[in-house]
Amino acid sequence: MNDQDRKFKELWEKRKTKGRWKYGLVHGSAFGFLVFVAINLLNLKDQSISEVYFNNVALSQMLTMVLAGILGYSSVKWWMNEKIYKRIADKEESGA
């Protein structure tokens, strides 16, 4: 097993012990918030920062993106990491 696989395996084992919901809350909400900020950066050329980020439309957009990150992104990412982890564990078990 190479160094990168070992690091991934150790990190994923730690994250897995904390649970899927905590993983989703931390990583999914961060992803959703970053997407919200990035998408609205384009609007800053025409509007002020308070018009873009600090109004009711922005609040509902941010909540939607954070929720989508928690439910969507983190679910897909969890599934992908599980597949990678299983592949590494199988490779380690076979001695490759």
PDB file of N, CA and C in Angstrom:
ATOM      1  N   MET A   1       0.856  -1.175   0.000  1.00  0.00           N
ATOM      2  CA  MET A   1       0.000   0.000   0.000  1.00  0.00           C
ATOM      3  C   MET A   1       0.901   1.236   0.000  1.00  0.00           C
ATOM      4  N   ASN A   2       0.576   2.164  -0.888  1.00  0.00           N
ATOM      5  CA  ASN A   2       1.402   3.368  -0.947  1.00  0.00           C
ATOM      6  C   ASN A   2       1.004   4.351   0.157  1.00  0.00           C
ATOM      7  N   ASP A   3       1.797   5.387   0.298  1.00  0.00           N
ATOM      8  CA  ASP A   3       1.611   6.362   1.372  1.00  0.00           C
ATOM      9  C   ASP A   3       0.277   7.108   1.258  1.00  0.00           C
ATOM     10  N   GLN A   4      -0.106   7.443   0.039  1.00  0.00           N
ATOM     11  CA  GLN A   4      -1.356   8.161  -0.182  1.00  0.00           C
ATOM     12  C   GLN A   4      -2.559   7.302   0.226  1.00  0.00           C
ATOM     13  N   ASP A   5      -2.539   6.028  -0.121  1.00  0.00           N
ATOM     14  CA  ASP A   5      -3.618   5.122   0.266  1.00  0.00           C
ATOM     15  C   ASP A   5      -3.684   4.956   1.780  1.00  0.00           C
ATOM     16  N   ARG A   6      -2.548   4.839   2.416  1.00  0.00           N
ATOM     17  CA  ARG A   6      -2.506   4.686   3.868  1.00  0.00           C
ATOM     18  C   ARG A   6      -3.091   5.925   4.560  1.00  0.00           C
ATOM     19  N   LYS A   7      -2.721   7.104   4.071  1.00  0.00           N
ATOM     20  CA  LYS A   7      -3.246   8.342   4.661  1.00  0.00           C
ATOM     21  C   LYS A   7      -4.758   8.433   4.477  1.00  0.00           C
ATOM     22  N   PHE A   8      -5.231   8.092   3.269  1.00  0.00           N
ATOM     23  CA  PHE A   8      -6.672   8.130   3.020  1.00  0.00           C
ATOM     24  C   PHE A   8      -7.397   7.162   3.947  1.00  0.00           C
ATOM     25  N   LYS A   9      -6.864   5.950   4.065  1.00  0.00           N
ATOM     26  CA  LYS A   9      -7.506   4.923   4.895  1.00  0.00           C
ATOM     27  C   LYS A   9      -7.596   5.375   6.346  1.00  0.00           C
ATOM     28  N   GLU A  10      -6.525   5.917   6.882  1.00  0.00           N
ATOM     29  CA  GLU A  10      -6.518   6.377   8.272  1.00  0.00           C
ATOM     30  C   GLU A  10      -7.502   7.516   8.480  1.00  0.00           C
ATOM     31  N   LEU A  11      -7.492   8.479   7.566  1.00  0.00           N
ATOM     32  CA  LEU A  11      -8.397   9.622   7.681  1.00  0.00           C
ATOM     33  C   LEU A  11      -9.850   9.185   7.553  1.00  0.00           C
ATOM     34  N   TRP A  12     -10.130   8.297   6.610  1.00  0.00           N
ATOM     35  CA  TRP A  12     -11.511   7.863   6.408  1.00  0.00           C
ATOM     36  C   TRP A  12     -12.007   7.043   7.598  1.00  0.00           C
ATOM     37  N   GLU A  13     -11.145   6.222   8.185  1.00  0.00           N
ATOM     38  CA  GLU A  13     -11.546   5.458   9.366  1.00  0.00           C
ATOM     39  C   GLU A  13     -11.917   6.393  10.515  1.00  0.00           C
ATOM     40  N   LYS A  14     -11.163   7.476  10.684  1.00  0.00           N
ATOM     41  CA  LYS A  14     -11.484   8.459  11.731  1.00  0.00           C
ATOM     42  C   LYS A  14     -12.824   9.131  11.457  1.00  0.00           C
ATOM     43  N   ARG A  15     -13.025   9.548  10.207  1.00  0.00           N
ATOM     44  CA  ARG A  15     -14.269  10.236   9.851  1.00  0.00           C
ATOM     45  C   ARG A  15     -15.466   9.300   9.960  1.00  0.00           C
ATOM     46  N   LYS A  16     -15.280   8.037   9.593  1.00  0.00           N
ATOM     47  CA  LYS A  16     -16.379   7.074   9.670  1.00  0.00           C
ATOM     48  C   LYS A  16     -16.840   6.844  11.095  1.00  0.00           C
ATOM     49  N   THR A  17     -15.912   6.848  12.039  1.00  0.00           N
ATOM     50  CA  THR A  17     -16.288   6.603  13.432  1.00  0.00           C
ATOM     51  C   THR A  17     -17.153   7.729  13.985  1.00  0.00           C
ATOM     52  N   LYS A  18     -17.015   8.929  13.441  1.00  0.00           N
ATOM     53  CA  LYS A  18     -17.833  10.057  13.895  1.00  0.00           C
ATOM     54  C   LYS A  18     -19.250   9.991  13.337  1.00  0.00           C
ATOM     55  N   GLY A  19     -19.437   9.225  12.270  1.00  0.00           N
ATOM     56  CA  GLY A  19     -20.779   9.014  11.742  1.00  0.00           C
ATOM     57  C   GLY A  19     -21.071   9.796  10.479  1.00  0.00           C
ATOM     58  N   ARG A  20     -22.038   9.261   9.762  1.00  0.00           N
ATOM     59  CA  ARG A  20     -22.425   9.829   8.476  1.00  0.00           C
ATOM     60  C   ARG A  20     -23.072  11.214   8.620  1.00  0.00           C
ATOM     61  N   TRP A  21     -23.892  11.391   9.666  1.00  0.00           N
ATOM     62  CA  TRP A  21     -24.581  12.675   9.830  1.00  0.00           C
ATOM     63  C   TRP A  21     -23.616  13.801  10.173  1.00  0.00           C
ATOM     64  N   LYS A  22     -22.662  13.512  11.037  1.00  0.00           N
ATOM     65  CA  LYS A  22     -21.677  14.551  11.374  1.00  0.00           C
ATOM     66  C   LYS A  22     -20.838  14.885  10.148  1.00  0.00           C
ATOM     67  N   TYR A  23     -20.463  13.855   9.387  1.00  0.00           N
ATOM     68  CA  TYR A  23     -19.721  14.076   8.142  1.00  0.00           C
ATOM     69  C   TYR A  23     -20.539  14.973   7.209  1.00  0.00           C
ATOM     70  N   GLY A  24     -21.816  14.661   7.079  1.00  0.00           N
ATOM     71  CA  GLY A  24     -22.683  15.454   6.210  1.00  0.00           C
ATOM     72  C   GLY A  24     -22.828  16.886   6.685  1.00  0.00           C
ATOM     73  N   LEU A  25     -23.010  17.063   7.975  1.00  0.00           N
ATOM     74  CA  LEU A  25     -23.167  18.418   8.507  1.00  0.00           C
ATOM     75  C   LEU A  25     -21.920  19.257   8.293  1.00  0.00           C
ATOM     76  N   VAL A  26     -20.772  18.669   8.539  1.00  0.00           N
ATOM     77  CA  VAL A  26     -19.519  19.427   8.406  1.00  0.00           C
ATOM     78  C   VAL A  26     -19.164  19.667   6.940  1.00  0.00           C
ATOM     79  N   HIS A  27     -19.036  18.590   6.180  1.00  0.00           N
ATOM     80  CA  HIS A  27     -18.543  18.701   4.806  1.00  0.00           C
ATOM     81  C   HIS A  27     -19.621  19.187   3.838  1.00  0.00           C
ATOM     82  N   GLY A  28     -20.838  18.717   4.012  1.00  0.00           N
ATOM     83  CA  GLY A  28     -21.918  19.128   3.124  1.00  0.00           C
ATOM     84  C   GLY A  28     -22.283  20.590   3.280  1.00  0.00           C
ATOM     85  N   SER A  29     -22.366  21.046   4.525  1.00  0.00           N
ATOM     86  CA  SER A  29     -22.713  22.453   4.732  1.00  0.00           C
ATOM     87  C   SER A  29     -21.586  23.371   4.258  1.00  0.00           C
ATOM     88  N   ALA A  30     -20.350  22.967   4.466  1.00  0.00           N
ATOM     89  CA  ALA A  30     -19.219  23.772   3.976  1.00  0.00           C
ATOM     90  C   ALA A  30     -19.247  23.849   2.454  1.00  0.00           C
ATOM     91  N   PHE A  31     -19.493  22.715   1.804  1.00  0.00           N
ATOM     92  CA  PHE A  31     -19.567  22.696   0.343  1.00  0.00           C
ATOM     93  C   PHE A  31     -20.718  23.575  -0.158  1.00  0.00           C
ATOM     94  N   GLY A  32     -21.891  23.434   0.440  1.00  0.00           N
ATOM     95  CA  GLY A  32     -23.046  24.240   0.032  1.00  0.00           C
ATOM     96  C   GLY A  32     -22.799  25.721   0.208  1.00  0.00           C
ATOM     97  N   PHE A  33     -22.171  26.103   1.320  1.00  0.00           N
ATOM     98  CA  PHE A  33     -21.886  27.507   1.564  1.00  0.00           C
ATOM     99  C   PHE A  33     -20.875  28.056   0.557  1.00  0.00           C
ATOM    100  N   LEU A  34     -19.844  27.271   0.258  1.00  0.00           N
ATOM    101  CA  LEU A  34     -18.847  27.714  -0.733  1.00  0.00           C
ATOM    102  C   LEU A  34     -19.466  27.874  -2.120  1.00  0.00           C
ATOM    103  N   VAL A  35     -20.373  26.983  -2.486  1.00  0.00           N
ATOM    104  CA  VAL A  35     -21.071  27.109  -3.769  1.00  0.00           C
ATOM    105  C   VAL A  35     -21.909  28.374  -3.775  1.00  0.00           C
ATOM    106  N   PHE A  36     -22.607  28.649  -2.680  1.00  0.00           N
ATOM    107  CA  PHE A  36     -23.411  29.864  -2.564  1.00  0.00           C
ATOM    108  C   PHE A  36     -22.548  31.113  -2.762  1.00  0.00           C
ATOM    109  N   VAL A  37     -21.418  31.168  -2.094  1.00  0.00           N
ATOM    110  CA  VAL A  37     -20.518  32.322  -2.212  1.00  0.00           C
ATOM    111  C   VAL A  37     -19.998  32.449  -3.643  1.00  0.00           C
ATOM    112  N   ALA A  38     -19.559  31.340  -4.217  1.00  0.00           N
ATOM    113  CA  ALA A  38     -18.973  31.374  -5.565  1.00  0.00           C
ATOM    114  C   ALA A  38     -19.991  31.803  -6.621  1.00  0.00           C
ATOM    115  N   ILE A  39     -21.193  31.268  -6.550  1.00  0.00           N
ATOM    116  CA  ILE A  39     -22.217  31.626  -7.534  1.00  0.00           C
ATOM    117  C   ILE A  39     -22.559  33.104  -7.456  1.00  0.00           C
ATOM    118  N   ASN A  40     -22.645  33.614  -6.250  1.00  0.00           N
ATOM    119  CA  ASN A  40     -23.035  35.009  -6.095  1.00  0.00           C
ATOM    120  C   ASN A  40     -21.903  36.003  -6.315  1.00  0.00           C
ATOM    121  N   LEU A  41     -20.676  35.523  -6.415  1.00  0.00           N
ATOM    122  CA  LEU A  41     -19.564  36.423  -6.722  1.00  0.00           C
ATOM    123  C   LEU A  41     -19.775  37.121  -8.066  1.00  0.00           C
ATOM    124  N   LEU A  42     -20.388  36.414  -8.993  1.00  0.00           N
ATOM    125  CA  LEU A  42     -20.643  36.998 -10.311  1.00  0.00           C
ATOM    126  C   LEU A  42     -21.578  38.206 -10.244  1.00  0.00           C
ATOM    127  N   ASN A  43     -22.471  38.218  -9.263  1.00  0.00           N
ATOM    128  CA  ASN A  43     -23.411  39.329  -9.122  1.00  0.00           C
ATOM    129  C   ASN A  43     -22.775  40.580  -8.528  1.00  0.00           C
ATOM    130  N   LEU A  44     -21.592  40.455  -7.964  1.00  0.00           N
ATOM    131  CA  LEU A  44     -20.953  41.604  -7.321  1.00  0.00           C
ATOM    132  C   LEU A  44     -20.521  42.683  -8.315  1.00  0.00           C
ATOM    133  N   LYS A  45     -20.393  42.332  -9.573  1.00  0.00           N
ATOM    134  CA  LYS A  45     -20.000  43.359 -10.542  1.00  0.00           C
ATOM    135  C   LYS A  45     -21.134  44.349 -10.805  1.00  0.00           C
ATOM    136  N   ASP A  46     -22.381  43.924 -10.556  1.00  0.00           N
ATOM    137  CA  ASP A  46     -23.531  44.795 -10.803  1.00  0.00           C
ATOM    138  C   ASP A  46     -24.183  45.317  -9.532  1.00  0.00           C
ATOM    139  N   GLN A  47     -23.935  44.665  -8.401  1.00  0.00           N
ATOM    140  CA  GLN A  47     -24.609  45.024  -7.154  1.00  0.00           C
ATOM    141  C   GLN A  47     -23.599  45.103  -6.011  1.00  0.00           C
ATOM    142  N   SER A  48     -24.031  45.727  -4.924  1.00  0.00           N
ATOM    143  CA  SER A  48     -23.152  45.809  -3.745  1.00  0.00           C
ATOM    144  C   SER A  48     -23.193  44.480  -2.993  1.00  0.00           C
ATOM    145  N   ILE A  49     -22.236  44.320  -2.085  1.00  0.00           N
ATOM    146  CA  ILE A  49     -22.155  43.076  -1.325  1.00  0.00           C
ATOM    147  C   ILE A  49     -23.406  42.860  -0.471  1.00  0.00           C
ATOM    148  N   SER A  50     -23.956  43.926   0.077  1.00  0.00           N
ATOM    149  CA  SER A  50     -25.165  43.776   0.901  1.00  0.00           C
ATOM    150  C   SER A  50     -26.370  43.397   0.044  1.00  0.00           C
ATOM    151  N   GLU A  51     -26.437  43.875  -1.186  1.00  0.00           N
ATOM    152  CA  GLU A  51     -27.540  43.511  -2.081  1.00  0.00           C
ATOM    153  C   GLU A  51     -27.432  42.045  -2.523  1.00  0.00           C
ATOM    154  N   VAL A  52     -26.213  41.548  -2.609  1.00  0.00           N
ATOM    155  CA  VAL A  52     -26.003  40.178  -3.090  1.00  0.00           C
ATOM    156  C   VAL A  52     -26.136  39.161  -1.962  1.00  0.00           C
ATOM    157  N   TYR A  53     -25.515  39.417  -0.821  1.00  0.00           N
ATOM    158  CA  TYR A  53     -25.424  38.416   0.234  1.00  0.00           C
ATOM    159  C   TYR A  53     -26.338  38.635   1.433  1.00  0.00           C
ATOM    160  N   PHE A  54     -26.835  39.825   1.634  1.00  0.00           N
ATOM    161  CA  PHE A  54     -27.579  40.112   2.859  1.00  0.00           C
ATOM    162  C   PHE A  54     -29.001  40.551   2.573  1.00  0.00           C
ATOM    163  N   ASN A  55     -29.804  39.640   2.067  1.00  0.00           N
ATOM    164  CA  ASN A  55     -31.229  39.887   1.855  1.00  0.00           C
ATOM    165  C   ASN A  55     -31.971  38.556   1.974  1.00  0.00           C
ATOM    166  N   ASN A  56     -33.285  38.610   1.915  1.00  0.00           N
ATOM    167  CA  ASN A  56     -34.087  37.401   2.111  1.00  0.00           C
ATOM    168  C   ASN A  56     -33.897  36.372   1.008  1.00  0.00           C
ATOM    169  N   VAL A  57     -33.724  36.835  -0.224  1.00  0.00           N
ATOM    170  CA  VAL A  57     -33.506  35.913  -1.340  1.00  0.00           C
ATOM    171  C   VAL A  57     -32.187  35.170  -1.144  1.00  0.00           C
ATOM    172  N   ALA A  58     -31.157  35.894  -0.750  1.00  0.00           N
ATOM    173  CA  ALA A  58     -29.847  35.277  -0.524  1.00  0.00           C
ATOM    174  C   ALA A  58     -29.904  34.282   0.637  1.00  0.00           C
ATOM    175  N   LEU A  59     -30.648  34.626   1.673  1.00  0.00           N
ATOM    176  CA  LEU A  59     -30.772  33.727   2.817  1.00  0.00           C
ATOM    177  C   LEU A  59     -31.431  32.414   2.406  1.00  0.00           C
ATOM    178  N   SER A  60     -32.514  32.510   1.656  1.00  0.00           N
ATOM    179  CA  SER A  60     -33.181  31.274   1.235  1.00  0.00           C
ATOM    180  C   SER A  60     -32.308  30.486   0.254  1.00  0.00           C
ATOM    181  N   GLN A  61     -31.571  31.190  -0.601  1.00  0.00           N
ATOM    182  CA  GLN A  61     -30.666  30.522  -1.532  1.00  0.00           C
ATOM    183  C   GLN A  61     -29.550  29.806  -0.760  1.00  0.00           C
ATOM    184  N   MET A  62     -29.008  30.474   0.245  1.00  0.00           N
ATOM    185  CA  MET A  62     -27.941  29.869   1.037  1.00  0.00           C
ATOM    186  C   MET A  62     -28.452  28.637   1.785  1.00  0.00           C
ATOM    187  N   LEU A  63     -29.613  28.740   2.402  1.00  0.00           N
ATOM    188  CA  LEU A  63     -30.167  27.598   3.123  1.00  0.00           C
ATOM    189  C   LEU A  63     -30.426  26.416   2.189  1.00  0.00           C
ATOM    190  N   THR A  64     -30.919  26.713   0.993  1.00  0.00           N
ATOM    191  CA  THR A  64     -31.159  25.661   0.007  1.00  0.00           C
ATOM    192  C   THR A  64     -29.860  24.978  -0.389  1.00  0.00           C
ATOM    193  N   MET A  65     -28.826  25.753  -0.644  1.00  0.00           N
ATOM    194  CA  MET A  65     -27.547  25.183  -1.064  1.00  0.00           C
ATOM    195  C   MET A  65     -26.872  24.407   0.058  1.00  0.00           C
ATOM    196  N   VAL A  66     -26.971  24.902   1.263  1.00  0.00           N
ATOM    197  CA  VAL A  66     -26.388  24.181   2.399  1.00  0.00           C
ATOM    198  C   VAL A  66     -27.139  22.868   2.607  1.00  0.00           C
ATOM    199  N   LEU A  67     -28.456  22.894   2.526  1.00  0.00           N
ATOM    200  CA  LEU A  67     -29.241  21.672   2.670  1.00  0.00           C
ATOM    201  C   LEU A  67     -28.929  20.684   1.546  1.00  0.00           C
ATOM    202  N   ALA A  68     -28.797  21.188   0.330  1.00  0.00           N
ATOM    203  CA  ALA A  68     -28.433  20.330  -0.796  1.00  0.00           C
ATOM    204  C   ALA A  68     -27.037  19.741  -0.594  1.00  0.00           C
ATOM    205  N   GLY A  69     -26.141  20.516  -0.038  1.00  0.00           N
ATOM    206  CA  GLY A  69     -24.804  20.014   0.257  1.00  0.00           C
ATOM    207  C   GLY A  69     -24.830  18.915   1.299  1.00  0.00           C
ATOM    208  N   ILE A  70     -25.638  19.111   2.333  1.00  0.00           N
ATOM    209  CA  ILE A  70     -25.728  18.114   3.403  1.00  0.00           C
ATOM    210  C   ILE A  70     -26.353  16.827   2.883  1.00  0.00           C
ATOM    211  N   LEU A  71     -27.466  16.951   2.175  1.00  0.00           N
ATOM    212  CA  LEU A  71     -28.181  15.760   1.716  1.00  0.00           C
ATOM    213  C   LEU A  71     -27.594  15.161   0.443  1.00  0.00           C
ATOM    214  N   GLY A  72     -27.204  16.003  -0.506  1.00  0.00           N
ATOM    215  CA  GLY A  72     -26.747  15.514  -1.800  1.00  0.00           C
ATOM    216  C   GLY A  72     -25.257  15.268  -1.866  1.00  0.00           C
ATOM    217  N   TYR A  73     -24.502  16.337  -1.743  1.00  0.00           N
ATOM    218  CA  TYR A  73     -23.044  16.239  -1.889  1.00  0.00           C
ATOM    219  C   TYR A  73     -22.443  15.258  -0.900  1.00  0.00           C
ATOM    220  N   SER A  74     -22.820  15.389   0.377  1.00  0.00           N
ATOM    221  CA  SER A  74     -22.191  14.523   1.377  1.00  0.00           C
ATOM    222  C   SER A  74     -22.580  13.062   1.189  1.00  0.00           C
ATOM    223  N   SER A  75     -23.784  12.804   0.700  1.00  0.00           N
ATOM    224  CA  SER A  75     -24.188  11.414   0.442  1.00  0.00           C
ATOM    225  C   SER A  75     -23.356  10.804  -0.674  1.00  0.00           C
ATOM    226  N   VAL A  76     -23.200  11.553  -1.752  1.00  0.00           N
ATOM    227  CA  VAL A  76     -22.393  11.067  -2.875  1.00  0.00           C
ATOM    228  C   VAL A  76     -20.939  10.907  -2.455  1.00  0.00           C
ATOM    229  N   LYS A  77     -20.419  11.881  -1.731  1.00  0.00           N
ATOM    230  CA  LYS A  77     -19.022  11.832  -1.298  1.00  0.00           C
ATOM    231  C   LYS A  77     -18.788  10.670  -0.330  1.00  0.00           C
ATOM    232  N   TRP A  78     -19.737  10.424   0.558  1.00  0.00           N
ATOM    233  CA  TRP A  78     -19.627   9.300   1.493  1.00  0.00           C
ATOM    234  C   TRP A  78     -19.558   7.993   0.707  1.00  0.00           C
ATOM    235  N   TRP A  79     -20.453   7.838  -0.254  1.00  0.00           N
ATOM    236  CA  TRP A  79     -20.498   6.631  -1.079  1.00  0.00           C
ATOM    237  C   TRP A  79     -19.179   6.456  -1.840  1.00  0.00           C
ATOM    238  N   MET A  80     -18.649   7.533  -2.433  1.00  0.00           N
ATOM    239  CA  MET A  80     -17.389   7.456  -3.165  1.00  0.00           C
ATOM    240  C   MET A  80     -16.234   7.074  -2.245  1.00  0.00           C
ATOM    241  N   ASN A  81     -16.171   7.691  -1.070  1.00  0.00           N
ATOM    242  CA  ASN A  81     -15.103   7.386  -0.123  1.00  0.00           C
ATOM    243  C   ASN A  81     -15.183   5.948   0.378  1.00  0.00           C
ATOM    244  N   GLU A  82     -16.398   5.446   0.555  1.00  0.00           N
ATOM    245  CA  GLU A  82     -16.562   4.047   0.955  1.00  0.00           C
ATOM    246  C   GLU A  82     -16.023   3.108  -0.119  1.00  0.00           C
ATOM    247  N   LYS A  83     -16.285   3.414  -1.378  1.00  0.00           N
ATOM    248  CA  LYS A  83     -15.777   2.587  -2.483  1.00  0.00           C
ATOM    249  C   LYS A  83     -14.248   2.618  -2.516  1.00  0.00           C
ATOM    250  N   ILE A  84     -13.679   3.801  -2.360  1.00  0.00           N
ATOM    251  CA  ILE A  84     -12.216   3.931  -2.358  1.00  0.00           C
ATOM    252  C   ILE A  84     -11.634   3.159  -1.176  1.00  0.00           C
ATOM    253  N   TYR A  85     -12.253   3.315  -0.015  1.00  0.00           N
ATOM    254  CA  TYR A  85     -11.786   2.619   1.186  1.00  0.00           C
ATOM    255  C   TYR A  85     -11.827   1.109   0.982  1.00  0.00           C
ATOM    256  N   LYS A  86     -12.918   0.597   0.436  1.00  0.00           N
ATOM    257  CA  LYS A  86     -13.051  -0.838   0.201  1.00  0.00           C
ATOM    258  C   LYS A  86     -11.990  -1.326  -0.783  1.00  0.00           C
ATOM    259  N   ARG A  87     -11.735  -0.547  -1.835  1.00  0.00           N
ATOM    260  CA  ARG A  87     -10.714  -0.925  -2.811  1.00  0.00           C
ATOM    261  C   ARG A  87      -9.334  -1.000  -2.151  1.00  0.00           C
ATOM    262  N   ILE A  88      -9.023  -0.012  -1.307  1.00  0.00           N
ATOM    263  CA  ILE A  88      -7.732  -0.004  -0.610  1.00  0.00           C
ATOM    264  C   ILE A  88      -7.650  -1.181   0.365  1.00  0.00           C
ATOM    265  N   ALA A  89      -8.732  -1.430   1.109  1.00  0.00           N
ATOM    266  CA  ALA A  89      -8.737  -2.535   2.070  1.00  0.00           C
ATOM    267  C   ALA A  89      -8.602  -3.878   1.357  1.00  0.00           C
ATOM    268  N   ASP A  90      -9.278  -4.034   0.235  1.00  0.00           N
ATOM    269  CA  ASP A  90      -9.165  -5.283  -0.534  1.00  0.00           C
ATOM    270  C   ASP A  90      -7.744  -5.474  -1.070  1.00  0.00           C
ATOM    271  N   LYS A  91      -7.148  -4.384  -1.542  1.00  0.00           N
ATOM    272  CA  LYS A  91      -5.776  -4.438  -2.055  1.00  0.00           C
ATOM    273  C   LYS A  91      -4.815  -4.800  -0.926  1.00  0.00           C
ATOM    274  N   GLU A  92      -5.041  -4.219   0.239  1.00  0.00           N
ATOM    275  CA  GLU A  92      -4.183  -4.498   1.406  1.00  0.00           C
ATOM    276  C   GLU A  92      -4.334  -5.957   1.849  1.00  0.00           C
ATOM    277  N   GLU A  93      -5.567  -6.439   1.824  1.00  0.00           N
ATOM    278  CA  GLU A  93      -5.843  -7.816   2.251  1.00  0.00           C
ATOM    279  C   GLU A  93      -5.203  -8.842   1.309  1.00  0.00           C
ATOM    280  N   SER A  94      -5.206  -8.510   0.013  1.00  0.00           N
ATOM    281  CA  SER A  94      -4.626  -9.435  -0.967  1.00  0.00           C
ATOM    282  C   SER A  94      -3.104  -9.343  -1.001  1.00  0.00           C
ATOM    283  N   GLY A  95      -2.560  -8.330  -0.343  1.00  0.00           N
ATOM    284  CA  GLY A  95      -1.110  -8.180  -0.275  1.00  0.00           C
ATOM    285  C   GLY A  95      -0.505  -7.491  -1.483  1.00  0.00           C
ATOM    286  N   ALA A  96      -1.330  -6.862  -2.292  1.00  0.00           N
ATOM    287  CA  ALA A  96      -0.839  -6.178  -3.504  1.00  0.00           C
ATOM    288  C   ALA A  96      -0.223  -4.848  -3.181  1.00  0.00           C
TER     289      ALA A  96
END
